[in-house]
Protein backbone atom coordinates (compact mmCIF):
# COMPACT_ATOMS: atom_id res chain seq x y z
CA MET A 1 -52.18 1.80 1.56
CA GLY A 2 -52.49 4.13 4.49
CA VAL A 3 -49.72 5.23 6.74
CA SER A 4 -50.14 4.83 10.46
CA SER A 5 -50.26 8.15 12.27
CA GLY A 6 -48.31 6.60 15.12
CA ARG A 7 -45.21 6.49 12.96
CA PHE A 8 -44.63 10.22 12.83
CA PRO A 9 -42.51 11.98 15.46
CA ALA A 10 -43.63 15.11 17.21
CA LEU A 11 -42.79 18.19 15.19
CA LEU A 12 -40.21 20.60 16.54
CA THR A 13 -40.47 24.35 16.46
CA VAL A 14 -39.50 26.19 13.30
CA ALA A 15 -36.57 27.75 15.16
CA ALA A 16 -34.95 24.31 15.40
CA LEU A 17 -35.36 23.51 11.74
CA VAL A 18 -32.05 24.94 10.63
CA LEU A 19 -30.37 22.28 12.74
CA ALA A 20 -32.49 19.38 11.51
CA PRO A 21 -31.54 17.41 8.39
CA GLY A 22 -34.21 16.81 5.78
CA CYS A 23 -35.69 13.34 5.43
CA GLY A 24 -36.91 12.32 1.99
CA SER A 25 -37.16 15.92 0.79
CA SER A 26 -35.43 17.64 -2.05
CA SER A 27 -34.23 21.21 -2.22
CA GLY A 28 -31.79 21.25 -5.16
CA ALA A 29 -32.20 20.35 -8.82
CA GLY A 30 -33.79 16.95 -9.31
CA PRO A 31 -36.96 15.17 -10.42
CA GLY A 32 -39.96 17.39 -10.13
CA GLU A 33 -38.01 20.61 -9.63
CA ALA A 34 -37.36 23.78 -11.62
CA ALA A 35 -35.49 26.99 -10.99
CA PRO A 36 -37.17 30.30 -10.15
CA HIS A 37 -37.65 32.63 -13.11
CA GLY A 38 -36.73 35.96 -11.60
CA ASP A 39 -37.26 38.05 -8.49
CA ALA A 40 -39.74 40.34 -10.23
CA ASN A 41 -42.09 37.42 -10.67
CA PRO A 42 -40.97 34.80 -8.15
CA ALA A 43 -41.65 31.14 -8.86
CA ILE A 44 -44.56 29.46 -7.07
CA PRO A 45 -43.36 27.22 -4.21
CA VAL A 46 -45.01 23.81 -4.50
CA VAL A 47 -44.72 20.73 -2.28
CA ALA A 48 -45.65 17.27 -3.57
CA SER A 49 -45.93 14.19 -1.40
CA THR A 50 -43.89 12.11 -3.88
CA ASN A 51 -41.71 12.85 -6.87
CA VAL A 52 -44.38 11.35 -9.13
CA TYR A 53 -46.59 14.34 -8.43
CA GLY A 54 -43.59 16.64 -8.21
CA ASP A 55 -42.67 15.75 -11.77
CA ILE A 56 -46.20 16.33 -13.06
CA VAL A 57 -46.19 19.76 -11.37
CA ARG A 58 -42.86 20.53 -13.02
CA GLN A 59 -44.25 19.60 -16.43
CA ILE A 60 -47.24 21.88 -15.91
CA GLY A 61 -45.43 24.76 -14.19
CA GLY A 62 -42.06 24.75 -15.96
CA ASP A 63 -39.75 27.50 -14.69
CA ARG A 64 -42.71 29.23 -13.03
CA VAL A 65 -42.55 26.78 -10.11
CA THR A 66 -40.07 25.46 -7.57
CA VAL A 67 -41.03 21.99 -6.38
CA VAL A 68 -40.07 19.99 -3.32
CA SER A 69 -40.95 16.30 -3.44
CA ILE A 70 -41.10 14.90 0.10
CA ILE A 71 -40.51 11.28 -0.98
CA SER A 72 -38.09 10.96 -3.87
CA ASP A 73 -35.92 7.91 -3.15
CA PRO A 74 -36.98 4.79 -5.12
CA ALA A 75 -35.45 2.65 -2.37
CA GLN A 76 -37.69 4.26 0.24
CA ASP A 77 -40.93 2.60 1.33
CA PRO A 78 -43.60 5.33 1.28
CA HIS A 79 -45.81 3.29 3.61
CA SER A 80 -43.39 3.58 6.50
CA TYR A 81 -42.27 7.14 5.81
CA GLU A 82 -41.58 9.34 8.81
CA ALA A 83 -42.03 13.04 8.14
CA SER A 84 -39.38 15.50 9.25
CA THR A 85 -39.35 19.00 10.63
CA ARG A 86 -37.77 20.11 7.34
CA ASN A 87 -40.89 18.85 5.57
CA GLN A 88 -43.00 20.92 7.95
CA LEU A 89 -41.08 24.08 7.05
CA GLU A 90 -41.37 23.41 3.32
CA LEU A 91 -45.11 22.92 3.62
CA SER A 92 -45.49 26.14 5.60
CA ARG A 93 -43.96 28.03 2.66
CA ALA A 94 -45.91 26.31 -0.14
CA LYS A 95 -48.59 28.04 -2.19
CA VAL A 96 -49.73 24.75 -3.73
CA VAL A 97 -49.55 21.24 -2.24
CA VAL A 98 -50.19 18.08 -4.24
CA GLU A 99 -50.98 14.92 -2.30
CA ASN A 100 -52.23 11.51 -3.32
CA GLY A 101 -54.97 11.21 -0.69
CA GLY A 102 -57.04 8.11 -0.04
CA GLY A 103 -55.02 7.35 3.10
CA TYR A 104 -51.76 6.93 1.19
CA ASP A 105 -49.93 10.03 2.40
CA ASP A 106 -51.83 11.18 5.47
CA PHE A 107 -48.64 12.75 6.83
CA VAL A 108 -49.22 15.67 4.45
CA GLY A 109 -52.56 16.59 6.01
CA LYS A 110 -51.16 16.18 9.52
CA MET A 111 -48.30 18.55 8.79
CA LEU A 112 -50.53 21.08 7.05
CA ARG A 113 -52.71 21.25 10.13
CA GLY A 114 -49.62 22.08 12.16
CA ALA A 115 -48.10 24.51 9.64
CA ARG A 116 -48.01 28.15 10.66
CA ASN A 117 -49.69 30.67 8.36
CA SER A 118 -50.23 28.06 5.63
CA ASP A 119 -52.71 29.16 2.99
CA ALA A 120 -51.65 26.57 0.43
CA GLU A 121 -54.18 25.26 -2.06
CA VAL A 122 -54.23 21.48 -1.66
CA VAL A 123 -54.73 19.28 -4.72
CA ASN A 124 -55.80 15.74 -3.79
CA ALA A 125 -55.22 13.26 -6.62
CA VAL A 126 -57.76 10.70 -5.37
CA ASP A 127 -60.45 13.38 -5.13
CA VAL A 128 -59.61 14.65 -8.60
CA SER A 129 -59.75 11.12 -10.02
CA GLY A 130 -63.37 10.70 -8.89
CA LYS A 131 -62.60 7.17 -7.75
CA ALA A 132 -64.22 5.75 -4.63
CA PRO A 133 -64.17 2.38 -2.90
CA ALA A 134 -66.72 -0.16 -4.03
CA ARG A 135 -69.33 -0.99 -1.42
CA GLY A 136 -67.76 -3.44 1.01
CA GLY A 137 -64.53 -3.54 -1.00
CA GLU A 138 -60.98 -2.36 -0.54
CA PHE A 139 -60.01 0.92 -2.19
CA ASN A 140 -56.98 1.07 -4.46
CA GLU A 141 -55.56 4.52 -3.77
CA HIS A 142 -52.60 4.23 -6.16
CA VAL A 143 -54.22 6.48 -8.74
CA TRP A 144 -50.98 7.56 -10.42
CA TYR A 145 -51.12 4.22 -12.28
CA ASP A 146 -54.44 5.36 -13.79
CA LEU A 147 -53.63 7.44 -16.87
CA PRO A 148 -57.02 9.18 -17.29
CA ALA A 149 -56.84 10.23 -13.62
CA MET A 150 -53.47 11.86 -14.25
CA GLY A 151 -54.93 13.75 -17.19
CA LYS A 152 -57.58 15.16 -14.86
CA LEU A 153 -54.89 15.93 -12.30
CA ALA A 154 -52.89 17.92 -14.87
CA ASP A 155 -55.88 20.21 -15.42
CA ARG A 156 -56.44 20.61 -11.69
CA ILE A 157 -52.77 21.46 -11.07
CA ALA A 158 -52.91 24.02 -13.88
CA ASP A 159 -55.93 25.63 -12.20
CA ALA A 160 -54.17 25.74 -8.82
CA LEU A 161 -51.04 27.30 -10.31
CA ALA A 162 -53.16 29.79 -12.26
CA ALA A 163 -54.84 30.88 -9.03
CA ALA A 164 -51.40 31.48 -7.47
CA ASP A 165 -50.04 33.25 -10.57
CA PRO A 166 -52.87 34.55 -12.81
CA ALA A 167 -50.42 36.22 -15.20
CA ASP A 168 -49.12 32.81 -16.28
CA ALA A 169 -52.49 31.00 -16.33
CA ASP A 170 -52.39 30.46 -20.09
CA VAL A 171 -48.93 28.89 -19.85
CA PHE A 172 -50.05 26.44 -17.19
CA ARG A 173 -53.16 25.38 -19.08
CA LYS A 174 -51.25 24.99 -22.33
CA ASN A 175 -48.69 22.80 -20.57
CA ALA A 176 -51.51 20.67 -19.13
CA VAL A 177 -52.81 20.11 -22.67
CA THR A 178 -49.32 19.07 -23.77
CA PHE A 179 -49.03 16.66 -20.84
CA LYS A 180 -52.36 15.04 -21.73
CA GLU A 181 -51.26 14.70 -25.35
CA ARG A 182 -48.19 12.83 -24.12
CA LEU A 183 -50.50 10.41 -22.29
CA THR A 184 -52.28 9.45 -25.52
CA PRO A 185 -49.63 6.95 -26.78
CA LEU A 186 -49.68 5.27 -23.37
CA LEU A 187 -53.45 4.88 -23.46
CA ASP A 188 -53.10 3.42 -26.96
CA ALA A 189 -50.46 0.98 -25.70
CA GLU A 190 -52.79 -0.22 -22.93
CA ARG A 191 -55.56 -0.76 -25.49
CA ARG A 192 -53.21 -2.79 -27.69
CA ILE A 193 -52.33 -5.05 -24.76
CA SER A 194 -56.05 -5.49 -24.09
CA THR A 195 -56.67 -6.36 -27.75
CA ASP A 196 -53.84 -8.89 -27.88
CA HIS A 197 -54.01 -10.32 -24.35
CA GLY A 198 -57.42 -9.39 -22.95
CA GLY A 199 -58.51 -11.82 -20.25
CA THR A 200 -55.00 -13.11 -19.61
CA ALA A 201 -54.39 -13.89 -15.94
CA VAL A 202 -51.58 -12.27 -13.95
CA ALA A 203 -50.58 -11.99 -10.31
CA VAL A 204 -49.47 -8.97 -8.28
CA THR A 205 -47.67 -8.71 -4.97
CA GLU A 206 -49.94 -5.84 -3.92
CA PRO A 207 -52.52 -3.50 -5.51
CA VAL A 208 -50.08 -0.76 -6.59
CA PRO A 209 -50.20 -1.53 -10.37
CA LEU A 210 -53.82 -2.71 -10.57
CA TYR A 211 -55.14 0.30 -12.49
CA LEU A 212 -52.55 -0.42 -15.19
CA VAL A 213 -53.35 -4.14 -15.12
CA GLU A 214 -57.09 -3.55 -15.43
CA ALA A 215 -56.74 -0.92 -18.17
CA SER A 216 -54.73 -3.49 -20.13
CA GLY A 217 -57.64 -5.94 -19.96
CA LEU A 218 -55.86 -8.43 -17.69
CA ARG A 219 -57.28 -10.53 -14.83
CA ASN A 220 -55.68 -10.46 -11.40
CA LEU A 221 -55.77 -13.92 -9.80
CA THR A 222 -53.86 -13.00 -6.65
CA PRO A 223 -55.74 -14.04 -3.49
CA ALA A 224 -57.08 -10.84 -1.92
CA ASP A 225 -55.81 -11.93 1.51
CA PHE A 226 -52.26 -12.05 0.13
CA SER A 227 -52.13 -8.63 -1.56
CA GLU A 228 -53.99 -6.95 1.30
CA ALA A 229 -51.61 -8.38 3.90
CA ILE A 230 -48.56 -7.25 1.91
CA GLU A 231 -50.14 -3.82 1.45
CA GLU A 232 -50.65 -3.42 5.21
CA GLY A 233 -47.27 -4.88 6.16
CA ASP A 234 -48.89 -7.90 7.80
CA ASP A 235 -47.85 -11.54 7.70
CA VAL A 236 -49.51 -13.73 5.09
CA SER A 237 -51.07 -16.90 6.47
CA PRO A 238 -49.42 -20.17 5.36
CA ARG A 239 -52.63 -21.20 3.58
CA THR A 240 -52.84 -17.95 1.61
CA LEU A 241 -49.15 -18.06 0.75
CA ARG A 242 -49.58 -21.59 -0.56
CA GLN A 243 -52.54 -20.52 -2.70
CA THR A 244 -50.45 -17.69 -4.13
CA LEU A 245 -47.43 -19.89 -4.87
CA ASP A 246 -49.70 -22.40 -6.60
CA LEU A 247 -50.49 -19.77 -9.21
CA PHE A 248 -46.92 -20.20 -10.42
CA THR A 249 -46.38 -23.91 -9.86
CA ASP A 250 -49.60 -24.61 -11.77
CA LYS A 251 -48.74 -21.92 -14.36
CA ARG A 252 -52.16 -20.29 -14.04
CA VAL A 253 -50.75 -16.79 -14.59
CA ARG A 254 -48.63 -15.36 -17.38
CA ALA A 255 -46.76 -12.75 -15.36
CA LEU A 256 -46.11 -11.46 -11.86
CA VAL A 257 -46.20 -7.67 -11.40
CA HIS A 258 -44.03 -7.02 -8.37
CA ASN A 259 -43.68 -3.81 -6.32
CA GLU A 260 -39.96 -3.53 -5.69
CA GLN A 261 -40.37 -0.96 -2.91
CA THR A 262 -42.07 -3.28 -0.42
CA SER A 263 -40.05 -6.46 -0.74
CA GLY A 264 -40.03 -8.91 2.17
CA PRO A 265 -39.60 -12.65 2.77
CA GLN A 266 -43.07 -13.53 1.48
CA THR A 267 -42.92 -11.41 -1.65
CA GLU A 268 -39.43 -12.75 -2.29
CA LYS A 269 -40.80 -16.30 -2.13
CA THR A 270 -43.46 -15.30 -4.61
CA GLU A 271 -40.93 -13.80 -6.98
CA GLN A 272 -38.66 -16.83 -6.68
CA ALA A 273 -41.57 -19.19 -7.44
CA ALA A 274 -42.48 -17.22 -10.54
CA ARG A 275 -38.93 -17.24 -11.88
CA ALA A 276 -38.46 -20.92 -11.04
CA HIS A 277 -41.44 -21.79 -13.24
CA GLY A 278 -40.50 -19.55 -16.14
CA ILE A 279 -43.07 -16.84 -15.43
CA PRO A 280 -41.81 -13.32 -16.18
CA VAL A 281 -41.59 -10.83 -13.33
CA VAL A 282 -42.47 -7.20 -14.11
CA PRO A 283 -40.98 -4.86 -11.47
CA VAL A 284 -42.80 -1.64 -10.63
CA THR A 285 -42.18 1.12 -8.10
CA GLU A 286 -44.17 3.80 -6.29
CA THR A 287 -41.78 6.66 -7.01
CA LEU A 288 -39.90 7.80 -10.11
CA PRO A 289 -36.60 6.06 -10.77
CA PRO A 290 -33.62 8.42 -11.20
CA GLY A 291 -33.52 10.15 -14.57
CA GLU A 292 -37.14 9.39 -15.46
CA ASP A 293 -40.18 11.61 -15.80
CA TYR A 294 -43.76 10.42 -15.43
CA ILE A 295 -44.24 9.71 -19.14
CA SER A 296 -40.98 7.80 -19.66
CA TRP A 297 -41.58 5.83 -16.44
CA MET A 298 -45.09 4.75 -17.41
CA THR A 299 -43.89 3.98 -20.94
CA ALA A 300 -41.26 1.64 -19.49
CA ASN A 301 -43.83 -0.03 -17.19
CA ILE A 302 -46.28 -0.66 -20.03
CA ASP A 303 -43.52 -1.88 -22.35
CA ALA A 304 -42.26 -4.29 -19.67
CA LEU A 305 -45.77 -5.64 -19.12
CA ARG A 306 -46.30 -6.16 -22.83
CA LYS A 307 -42.93 -7.89 -23.22
CA ALA A 308 -43.74 -10.26 -20.37
CA LEU A 309 -47.09 -11.19 -21.93
CA ASP A 310 -45.57 -11.64 -25.37
CA THR A 311 -42.98 -14.07 -24.01
């Protein structure tokens, strides 16, 4: 789900930054952030493209890091995000940057190339995951819905933080182990869904949750033309929309997994059709809801999917 480079305004000089408000960035306490732990050993400044990765960094780095998450508002559509000059300044100060990659958050790379004196180590979640597009197929870059990939990412973040602060390397690597242990119940929950509902058909409004859907042993019946058009912000053809709505009128799927952050007239029609025919709708998002961390958020997503299938 790439972001068009034409959507980003020209960056102003650093001298003007003090006058420019931040857009989608965080600088106080919040998801994915921690306080410095003393001037003698200053915390590592980290920038994450979204608060999903900001939170994972916080869990690995604890009070040894300060984290700014560029996109942190669950009501914000990451696909149409416009970077700010404040973001540019934050990136220029970072020692570690965590991005999704795969075309999802290209604005990070663009700003890094324009950042002055930036020597940040960049951690790319798609690269760490080892996932690549199938030959001739579309690539699902939403790797934060893939739990094993996030386990790999935890290790990679620990390595990056250790390089920035060797004295605390053992702390970072221990915290990465703890994070991966917290993923284990979620992996077990996916396997239980697969055992109980493997092969069950579902629909999605776009590919965001597909790694979760596939790990749970479910089949996605959504016409590719529909989910790809929604993903790119394009109109769905009347024929494709009709094919998608028929999934619900004919009750060929047991649930609709709906990305709440990219709602529009056509996805709303899809959601209305599902509800009208008694098919549960499972809402998902691309950023952390307020008050959640990565583990509690994914737990809620998996529980909601299971509840919908058990209905």
